[in-house]
Structures are given as C-alpha cells and as structure tokens.
Amino acid sequence: MIAVIKIGGQQFKVEKDQTLYVPHVEGKAGDKLELEVLLADADGKLSIGDAIKTKVKAEIVDHVKGDTVIAYKQKRRKGFHKKKGHRTAYTKIKVTDIK
C-alpha cells in the first residue's frame, strides 16, 4: 500500500517501514504521529479526497540539521561583502503503519 502524505506544506509518497527526512515537526524522539493523507493506493484502488479512509502512523526517530547553506553578497570595488549561513532543521521519521 502506498500513500501520499502532507507534512509542513510538502508532499511525500510513503510506504510501510520507510524512513524519511521531513521539515521539522514538534515532538521528542519516540513520539507517535498521525499524518494527513492526500491520496491512497491499495492494490490498484485509488482513494482521493473525502473517500480516504486510510490512516498513516509514524514515529519520530531523530531531529537533525541539514547541510550548511551560504548566502554571500558583494558589491565590486566598494569593499562591501556579507556572508551568512544557516542549517535547516529536519525530522527523521519512520512510517510504522498504513491502514
């Protein structure tokens, strides 16, 4: 069974026992989540919209940070330059059940 879920404004195609990195979700490692389902496919039978009876349950595995992204600005011959960086926060989740 495959489902398309929505987390943090992004959509992900998931299967049972899959681990994936999603935008930061509040909670501690080990907490359980029930995710919003947009589309479900059960053996070729599609469910969309109000017809969805599928529930996707997941567990938070860890909170991690992504790679450093550098934003650099410079104006030539003016001596002006700015360098800033950030690391985006992600949550690693494991899909435990799709019913």
C-alpha atoms as a PDB file:
ATOM      1  CA  MET A   1       0.000   0.000   0.000  1.00  0.00           C
ATOM      2  CA  ILE A   2       1.234   3.456  -0.945  1.00  0.00           C
ATOM      3  CA  ALA A   3       0.032   6.805   0.375  1.00  0.00           C
ATOM      4  CA  VAL A   4       0.785  10.444  -0.351  1.00  0.00           C
ATOM      5  CA  ILE A   5       1.016  12.470   2.859  1.00  0.00           C
ATOM      6  CA  LYS A   6       1.375  16.173   3.625  1.00  0.00           C
ATOM      7  CA  ILE A   7       3.830  17.466   6.238  1.00  0.00           C
ATOM      8  CA  GLY A   8       4.936  21.075   6.604  1.00  0.00           C
ATOM      9  CA  GLY A   9       3.497  22.133   3.235  1.00  0.00           C
ATOM     10  CA  GLN A  10       5.336  19.376   1.353  1.00  0.00           C
ATOM     11  CA  GLN A  11       4.025  16.120  -0.067  1.00  0.00           C
ATOM     12  CA  PHE A  12       5.753  12.742   0.295  1.00  0.00           C
ATOM     13  CA  LYS A  13       4.988   9.324  -1.193  1.00  0.00           C
ATOM     14  CA  VAL A  14       5.402   6.742   1.566  1.00  0.00           C
ATOM     15  CA  GLU A  15       5.245   3.001   2.151  1.00  0.00           C
ATOM     16  CA  LYS A  16       5.265   0.962   5.343  1.00  0.00           C
ATOM     17  CA  ASP A  17       8.619   0.786   7.213  1.00  0.00           C
ATOM     18  CA  GLN A  18      10.075   3.667   5.160  1.00  0.00           C
ATOM     19  CA  THR A  19      12.253   6.302   6.848  1.00  0.00           C
ATOM     20  CA  LEU A  20      12.434   9.833   5.509  1.00  0.00           C
ATOM     21  CA  TYR A  21      13.536  13.341   6.404  1.00  0.00           C
ATOM     22  CA  VAL A  22      10.724  15.904   6.627  1.00  0.00           C
ATOM     23  CA  PRO A  23      10.628  19.580   7.683  1.00  0.00           C
ATOM     24  CA  HIS A  24      10.914  19.999  11.446  1.00  0.00           C
ATOM     25  CA  VAL A  25       7.997  18.531  13.425  1.00  0.00           C
ATOM     26  CA  GLU A  26       7.470  19.313  17.103  1.00  0.00           C
ATOM     27  CA  GLY A  27       7.947  16.391  19.468  1.00  0.00           C
ATOM     28  CA  LYS A  28      10.582  14.167  21.021  1.00  0.00           C
ATOM     29  CA  ALA A  29      12.242  11.066  19.635  1.00  0.00           C
ATOM     30  CA  GLY A  30       9.860   8.151  20.091  1.00  0.00           C
ATOM     31  CA  ASP A  31       6.669  10.218  19.818  1.00  0.00           C
ATOM     32  CA  LYS A  32       3.909   8.884  17.560  1.00  0.00           C
ATOM     33  CA  LEU A  33       2.333  10.923  14.748  1.00  0.00           C
ATOM     34  CA  GLU A  34      -0.801  10.524  12.664  1.00  0.00           C
ATOM     35  CA  LEU A  35      -0.283  12.165   9.278  1.00  0.00           C
ATOM     36  CA  GLU A  36      -2.643  13.862   6.818  1.00  0.00           C
ATOM     37  CA  VAL A  37      -3.319  11.599   3.822  1.00  0.00           C
ATOM     38  CA  LEU A  38      -3.968  13.164   0.393  1.00  0.00           C
ATOM     39  CA  LEU A  39      -4.072  10.000  -1.741  1.00  0.00           C
ATOM     40  CA  ALA A  40      -4.041   6.267  -1.013  1.00  0.00           C
ATOM     41  CA  ASP A  41      -3.420   3.303  -3.326  1.00  0.00           C
ATOM     42  CA  ALA A  42      -4.450  -0.128  -2.074  1.00  0.00           C
ATOM     43  CA  ASP A  43      -3.690  -2.791  -4.708  1.00  0.00           C
ATOM     44  CA  GLY A  44      -4.641  -0.534  -7.627  1.00  0.00           C
ATOM     45  CA  LYS A  45      -7.663   1.041  -5.935  1.00  0.00           C
ATOM     46  CA  LEU A  46      -7.164   4.804  -5.571  1.00  0.00           C
ATOM     47  CA  SER A  47      -8.793   6.911  -2.867  1.00  0.00           C
ATOM     48  CA  ILE A  48      -8.759  10.701  -3.103  1.00  0.00           C
ATOM     49  CA  GLY A  49     -10.396  13.488  -1.091  1.00  0.00           C
ATOM     50  CA  ASP A  50     -13.275  12.622   1.257  1.00  0.00           C
ATOM     51  CA  ALA A  51     -13.223   8.973   0.162  1.00  0.00           C
ATOM     52  CA  ILE A  52      -9.946   8.350   2.021  1.00  0.00           C
ATOM     53  CA  LYS A  53     -10.318   6.044   4.988  1.00  0.00           C
ATOM     54  CA  THR A  54      -6.572   5.379   5.217  1.00  0.00           C
ATOM     55  CA  LYS A  55      -4.572   6.350   8.301  1.00  0.00           C
ATOM     56  CA  VAL A  56      -0.791   6.749   8.212  1.00  0.00           C
ATOM     57  CA  LYS A  57       1.028   6.416  11.522  1.00  0.00           C
ATOM     58  CA  ALA A  58       4.667   7.356  12.001  1.00  0.00           C
ATOM     59  CA  GLU A  59       7.242   7.620  14.754  1.00  0.00           C
ATOM     60  CA  ILE A  60       9.825  10.366  15.267  1.00  0.00           C
ATOM     61  CA  VAL A  61      13.293   8.819  15.133  1.00  0.00           C
ATOM     62  CA  ASP A  62      15.544  11.884  15.477  1.00  0.00           C
ATOM     63  CA  HIS A  63      15.945  15.610  14.879  1.00  0.00           C
ATOM     64  CA  VAL A  64      18.830  16.588  12.584  1.00  0.00           C
ATOM     65  CA  LYS A  65      20.198  19.621  10.752  1.00  0.00           C
ATOM     66  CA  GLY A  66      20.847  19.768   7.025  1.00  0.00           C
ATOM     67  CA  ASP A  67      23.998  20.913   5.261  1.00  0.00           C
ATOM     68  CA  THR A  68      25.181  24.490   5.632  1.00  0.00           C
ATOM     69  CA  VAL A  69      23.800  26.886   3.036  1.00  0.00           C
ATOM     70  CA  ILE A  70      25.869  30.034   2.481  1.00  0.00           C
ATOM     71  CA  ALA A  71      24.336  33.324   1.310  1.00  0.00           C
ATOM     72  CA  TYR A  72      27.102  35.659   0.088  1.00  0.00           C
ATOM     73  CA  LYS A  73      26.632  39.203  -1.206  1.00  0.00           C
ATOM     74  CA  GLN A  74      29.291  41.510  -2.592  1.00  0.00           C
ATOM     75  CA  LYS A  75      29.462  44.830  -4.427  1.00  0.00           C
ATOM     76  CA  ARG A  76      32.542  45.171  -6.534  1.00  0.00           C
ATOM     77  CA  ARG A  77      35.003  47.973  -5.864  1.00  0.00           C
ATOM     78  CA  LYS A  78      33.030  49.173  -2.810  1.00  0.00           C
ATOM     79  CA  GLY A  79      34.524  46.978  -0.105  1.00  0.00           C
ATOM     80  CA  PHE A  80      31.059  45.667   0.743  1.00  0.00           C
ATOM     81  CA  HIS A  81      30.540  41.980   1.401  1.00  0.00           C
ATOM     82  CA  LYS A  82      28.219  39.955   3.612  1.00  0.00           C
ATOM     83  CA  LYS A  83      28.392  36.281   4.396  1.00  0.00           C
ATOM     84  CA  LYS A  84      25.626  34.489   6.248  1.00  0.00           C
ATOM     85  CA  GLY A  85      24.817  30.830   6.573  1.00  0.00           C
ATOM     86  CA  HIS A  86      22.154  28.603   8.042  1.00  0.00           C
ATOM     87  CA  ARG A  87      21.320  24.953   8.556  1.00  0.00           C
ATOM     88  CA  THR A  88      17.741  23.836   8.026  1.00  0.00           C
ATOM     89  CA  ALA A  89      16.159  21.688  10.753  1.00  0.00           C
ATOM     90  CA  TYR A  90      14.734  18.322   9.680  1.00  0.00           C
ATOM     91  CA  THR A  91      12.983  15.495  11.496  1.00  0.00           C
ATOM     92  CA  LYS A  92      13.707  11.873  10.656  1.00  0.00           C
ATOM     93  CA  ILE A  93      10.518   9.811  10.825  1.00  0.00           C
ATOM     94  CA  LYS A  94       9.698   6.159  10.262  1.00  0.00           C
ATOM     95  CA  VAL A  95       6.315   5.144   8.834  1.00  0.00           C
ATOM     96  CA  THR A  96       5.098   2.378  11.124  1.00  0.00           C
ATOM     97  CA  ASP A  97       1.667   1.610   9.736  1.00  0.00           C
ATOM     98  CA  ILE A  98      -0.649   2.339   6.803  1.00  0.00           C
ATOM     99  CA  LYS A  99      -4.234   1.155   7.335  1.00  0.00           C
END
